Amino acid sequence: MKVSLHHVAVLGRKPERSTRFYVDKLGFELVWRGASQDNEATPQYDFRLPEDDVLLSLQFYPRCQRGQKGAGFFGSLVLGLPERDWNKI
């Protein structure tokens, strides 16, 4: 049985910095930019690896503080990249 994921949601503070990282460094494609469905005042950017259907959805809250470990927190997200792209990081 194959288990698949539709998207991973991440909160961020700096849209331009995040876009440069995911697009320029990791090779993601920016596929959508607009307002979050949860809060129309919140910018949301959706990224996708070119050869995959899984989305990384970032919602930006510029004034939020850095996250602290606790309920609802995860400490890392592991992404698989083709070996040819490792030298970009």
N, C-alpha and C. Protein backbone atom coordinates (compact mmCIF):
# COMPACT_ATOMS: atom_id res chain seq x y z
N MET A 1 0.84 -1.18 0.00
CA MET A 1 0.00 0.00 0.00
C MET A 1 0.88 1.24 0.00
N LYS A 2 0.62 2.13 -0.93
CA LYS A 2 1.38 3.37 -1.01
C LYS A 2 0.66 4.45 -0.22
N VAL A 3 1.39 5.12 0.66
CA VAL A 3 0.84 6.23 1.42
C VAL A 3 1.42 7.50 0.84
N SER A 4 0.57 8.46 0.56
CA SER A 4 1.07 9.71 0.00
C SER A 4 0.58 10.89 0.82
N LEU A 5 1.23 12.00 0.60
CA LEU A 5 0.97 13.22 1.34
C LEU A 5 0.56 14.29 0.34
N HIS A 6 -0.44 15.08 0.67
CA HIS A 6 -0.85 16.16 -0.23
C HIS A 6 -0.02 17.41 -0.02
N HIS A 7 0.11 17.84 1.25
CA HIS A 7 0.92 19.03 1.53
C HIS A 7 1.41 19.03 2.96
N VAL A 8 2.44 19.84 3.17
CA VAL A 8 2.97 20.11 4.50
C VAL A 8 2.83 21.61 4.71
N ALA A 9 2.26 22.02 5.82
CA ALA A 9 2.08 23.45 6.11
C ALA A 9 3.17 23.91 7.08
N VAL A 10 3.74 25.06 6.77
CA VAL A 10 4.83 25.62 7.57
C VAL A 10 4.53 27.10 7.80
N LEU A 11 4.85 27.60 8.98
CA LEU A 11 4.71 29.02 9.27
C LEU A 11 6.06 29.69 9.12
N GLY A 12 6.06 30.89 8.58
CA GLY A 12 7.30 31.62 8.39
C GLY A 12 7.11 33.10 8.65
N ARG A 13 8.24 33.84 8.63
CA ARG A 13 8.18 35.27 8.87
C ARG A 13 8.64 36.10 7.68
N LYS A 14 9.48 35.54 6.80
CA LYS A 14 10.11 36.32 5.74
C LYS A 14 9.86 35.68 4.38
N PRO A 15 8.83 36.14 3.65
CA PRO A 15 8.49 35.52 2.37
C PRO A 15 9.63 35.54 1.35
N GLU A 16 10.32 36.67 1.21
CA GLU A 16 11.38 36.77 0.21
C GLU A 16 12.53 35.81 0.52
N ARG A 17 12.93 35.76 1.76
CA ARG A 17 14.02 34.87 2.18
C ARG A 17 13.63 33.41 1.98
N SER A 18 12.40 33.06 2.36
CA SER A 18 11.94 31.69 2.21
C SER A 18 11.85 31.30 0.74
N THR A 19 11.37 32.21 -0.10
CA THR A 19 11.28 31.92 -1.53
C THR A 19 12.66 31.68 -2.12
N ARG A 20 13.62 32.51 -1.79
CA ARG A 20 15.00 32.31 -2.30
C ARG A 20 15.54 30.94 -1.86
N PHE A 21 15.28 30.56 -0.62
CA PHE A 21 15.79 29.28 -0.11
C PHE A 21 15.15 28.10 -0.85
N TYR A 22 13.81 28.07 -0.88
CA TYR A 22 13.14 26.91 -1.47
C TYR A 22 13.29 26.85 -2.99
N VAL A 23 13.30 27.99 -3.67
CA VAL A 23 13.42 27.99 -5.13
C VAL A 23 14.88 27.90 -5.57
N ASP A 24 15.71 28.82 -5.09
CA ASP A 24 17.10 28.89 -5.57
C ASP A 24 17.99 27.78 -5.02
N LYS A 25 17.84 27.47 -3.74
CA LYS A 25 18.71 26.47 -3.12
C LYS A 25 18.21 25.04 -3.28
N LEU A 26 16.90 24.82 -3.08
CA LEU A 26 16.38 23.46 -3.07
C LEU A 26 15.71 23.06 -4.38
N GLY A 27 15.47 24.00 -5.26
CA GLY A 27 14.90 23.67 -6.56
C GLY A 27 13.40 23.49 -6.59
N PHE A 28 12.71 23.97 -5.57
CA PHE A 28 11.25 23.92 -5.58
C PHE A 28 10.72 24.90 -6.62
N GLU A 29 9.51 24.68 -7.04
CA GLU A 29 8.82 25.57 -7.98
C GLU A 29 7.74 26.32 -7.20
N LEU A 30 7.70 27.64 -7.32
CA LEU A 30 6.63 28.41 -6.70
C LEU A 30 5.40 28.27 -7.58
N VAL A 31 4.37 27.58 -7.09
CA VAL A 31 3.21 27.28 -7.93
C VAL A 31 2.00 28.13 -7.61
N TRP A 32 1.99 28.79 -6.47
CA TRP A 32 0.86 29.64 -6.12
C TRP A 32 1.27 30.62 -5.05
N ARG A 33 0.77 31.84 -5.18
CA ARG A 33 1.00 32.88 -4.17
C ARG A 33 -0.30 33.66 -4.03
N GLY A 34 -0.76 33.78 -2.80
CA GLY A 34 -2.02 34.49 -2.57
C GLY A 34 -2.30 34.60 -1.09
N ALA A 35 -3.57 34.70 -0.75
CA ALA A 35 -3.99 34.82 0.64
C ALA A 35 -4.39 33.44 1.17
N SER A 36 -4.09 33.22 2.43
CA SER A 36 -4.46 31.97 3.09
C SER A 36 -5.98 31.83 3.16
N GLN A 37 -6.47 30.61 2.98
CA GLN A 37 -7.90 30.36 3.14
C GLN A 37 -8.32 30.50 4.59
N ASP A 38 -7.37 30.28 5.51
CA ASP A 38 -7.67 30.36 6.94
C ASP A 38 -7.77 31.80 7.42
N ASN A 39 -6.99 32.70 6.80
CA ASN A 39 -6.95 34.10 7.21
C ASN A 39 -6.54 34.91 5.99
N GLU A 40 -7.46 35.64 5.42
CA GLU A 40 -7.19 36.36 4.17
C GLU A 40 -6.13 37.44 4.30
N ALA A 41 -5.79 37.85 5.53
CA ALA A 41 -4.74 38.84 5.73
C ALA A 41 -3.35 38.20 5.75
N THR A 42 -3.29 36.89 5.67
CA THR A 42 -2.03 36.16 5.77
C THR A 42 -1.56 35.70 4.38
N PRO A 43 -0.38 36.14 3.96
CA PRO A 43 0.15 35.66 2.68
C PRO A 43 0.48 34.17 2.75
N GLN A 44 0.22 33.48 1.67
CA GLN A 44 0.54 32.05 1.58
C GLN A 44 1.22 31.78 0.25
N TYR A 45 2.32 31.02 0.30
CA TYR A 45 3.04 30.61 -0.91
C TYR A 45 3.07 29.09 -0.92
N ASP A 46 2.77 28.50 -2.06
CA ASP A 46 2.83 27.05 -2.21
C ASP A 46 3.97 26.68 -3.15
N PHE A 47 4.83 25.78 -2.69
CA PHE A 47 5.98 25.31 -3.44
C PHE A 47 5.81 23.83 -3.75
N ARG A 48 6.43 23.39 -4.84
CA ARG A 48 6.39 21.97 -5.20
C ARG A 48 7.70 21.60 -5.85
N LEU A 49 8.19 20.41 -5.51
CA LEU A 49 9.35 19.89 -6.23
C LEU A 49 8.93 19.61 -7.67
N PRO A 50 9.76 19.90 -8.65
CA PRO A 50 9.36 19.76 -10.05
C PRO A 50 8.84 18.38 -10.44
N GLU A 51 9.32 17.33 -9.84
CA GLU A 51 8.91 15.99 -10.24
C GLU A 51 8.01 15.32 -9.21
N ASP A 52 7.31 16.12 -8.41
CA ASP A 52 6.49 15.56 -7.34
C ASP A 52 5.18 16.35 -7.25
N ASP A 53 4.18 15.75 -6.63
CA ASP A 53 2.90 16.43 -6.46
C ASP A 53 2.69 16.95 -5.04
N VAL A 54 3.63 16.71 -4.14
CA VAL A 54 3.48 17.15 -2.76
C VAL A 54 3.79 18.64 -2.67
N LEU A 55 2.92 19.37 -2.02
CA LEU A 55 3.10 20.81 -1.85
C LEU A 55 3.68 21.13 -0.48
N LEU A 56 4.52 22.14 -0.44
CA LEU A 56 4.99 22.73 0.80
C LEU A 56 4.32 24.08 0.86
N SER A 57 3.40 24.24 1.79
CA SER A 57 2.58 25.44 1.87
C SER A 57 3.08 26.30 3.03
N LEU A 58 3.57 27.50 2.72
CA LEU A 58 4.08 28.41 3.74
C LEU A 58 3.11 29.55 3.95
N GLN A 59 2.75 29.79 5.21
CA GLN A 59 1.95 30.94 5.58
C GLN A 59 2.84 31.86 6.38
N PHE A 60 2.77 33.16 6.07
CA PHE A 60 3.72 34.11 6.65
C PHE A 60 3.07 35.04 7.65
N TYR A 61 3.68 35.08 8.83
CA TYR A 61 3.28 35.96 9.92
C TYR A 61 4.52 36.72 10.35
N PRO A 62 4.77 37.90 9.75
CA PRO A 62 6.03 38.63 9.98
C PRO A 62 6.31 38.98 11.43
N ARG A 63 5.28 39.15 12.24
CA ARG A 63 5.49 39.55 13.64
C ARG A 63 5.51 38.39 14.62
N CYS A 64 5.39 37.17 14.12
CA CYS A 64 5.37 36.04 15.07
C CYS A 64 6.77 35.80 15.63
N GLN A 65 6.80 35.28 16.82
CA GLN A 65 8.07 34.95 17.46
C GLN A 65 8.52 33.58 16.99
N ARG A 66 9.79 33.29 17.18
CA ARG A 66 10.31 31.96 16.84
C ARG A 66 9.57 30.91 17.63
N GLY A 67 9.33 29.78 17.00
CA GLY A 67 8.63 28.69 17.66
C GLY A 67 9.43 28.09 18.80
N GLN A 68 8.73 27.55 19.75
CA GLN A 68 9.34 26.85 20.86
C GLN A 68 8.81 25.43 20.87
N LYS A 69 9.65 24.52 21.30
CA LYS A 69 9.22 23.12 21.35
C LYS A 69 8.04 22.98 22.30
N GLY A 70 7.07 22.19 21.85
CA GLY A 70 5.88 21.97 22.65
C GLY A 70 4.82 21.31 21.79
N ALA A 71 3.60 21.31 22.25
CA ALA A 71 2.51 20.69 21.51
C ALA A 71 2.37 21.33 20.14
N GLY A 72 2.25 20.51 19.11
CA GLY A 72 2.08 21.00 17.75
C GLY A 72 3.36 21.40 17.05
N PHE A 73 4.50 21.24 17.70
CA PHE A 73 5.79 21.63 17.15
C PHE A 73 6.50 20.42 16.58
N PHE A 74 7.14 20.60 15.42
CA PHE A 74 8.04 19.55 14.96
C PHE A 74 9.38 20.19 14.70
N GLY A 75 10.42 19.47 15.00
CA GLY A 75 11.77 20.03 14.97
C GLY A 75 12.47 19.96 13.64
N SER A 76 12.02 19.12 12.73
CA SER A 76 12.70 19.03 11.44
C SER A 76 11.77 18.46 10.39
N LEU A 77 12.09 18.79 9.16
CA LEU A 77 11.37 18.28 8.00
C LEU A 77 12.43 17.72 7.06
N VAL A 78 12.34 16.47 6.74
CA VAL A 78 13.33 15.82 5.89
C VAL A 78 12.82 15.82 4.45
N LEU A 79 13.63 16.37 3.56
CA LEU A 79 13.28 16.43 2.15
C LEU A 79 14.27 15.61 1.35
N GLY A 80 13.79 14.83 0.42
CA GLY A 80 14.67 14.07 -0.45
C GLY A 80 14.96 14.86 -1.71
N LEU A 81 16.23 15.08 -2.02
CA LEU A 81 16.63 15.78 -3.23
C LEU A 81 17.47 14.86 -4.09
N PRO A 82 17.36 15.00 -5.40
CA PRO A 82 18.23 14.22 -6.27
C PRO A 82 19.70 14.52 -5.96
N GLU A 83 20.54 13.53 -6.05
CA GLU A 83 21.96 13.70 -5.71
C GLU A 83 22.60 14.85 -6.48
N ARG A 84 22.16 15.08 -7.72
CA ARG A 84 22.75 16.13 -8.54
C ARG A 84 22.54 17.52 -7.94
N ASP A 85 21.58 17.69 -7.02
CA ASP A 85 21.27 18.99 -6.45
C ASP A 85 21.91 19.23 -5.08
N TRP A 86 22.63 18.28 -4.55
CA TRP A 86 23.20 18.43 -3.22
C TRP A 86 24.20 19.57 -3.14
N ASN A 87 24.93 19.81 -4.20
CA ASN A 87 25.97 20.86 -4.14
C ASN A 87 25.38 22.26 -4.11
N LYS A 88 24.08 22.43 -4.34
CA LYS A 88 23.45 23.75 -4.28
C LYS A 88 23.24 24.24 -2.87
N ILE A 89 23.21 23.32 -1.92
CA ILE A 89 22.87 23.69 -0.53
C ILE A 89 24.08 24.25 0.18
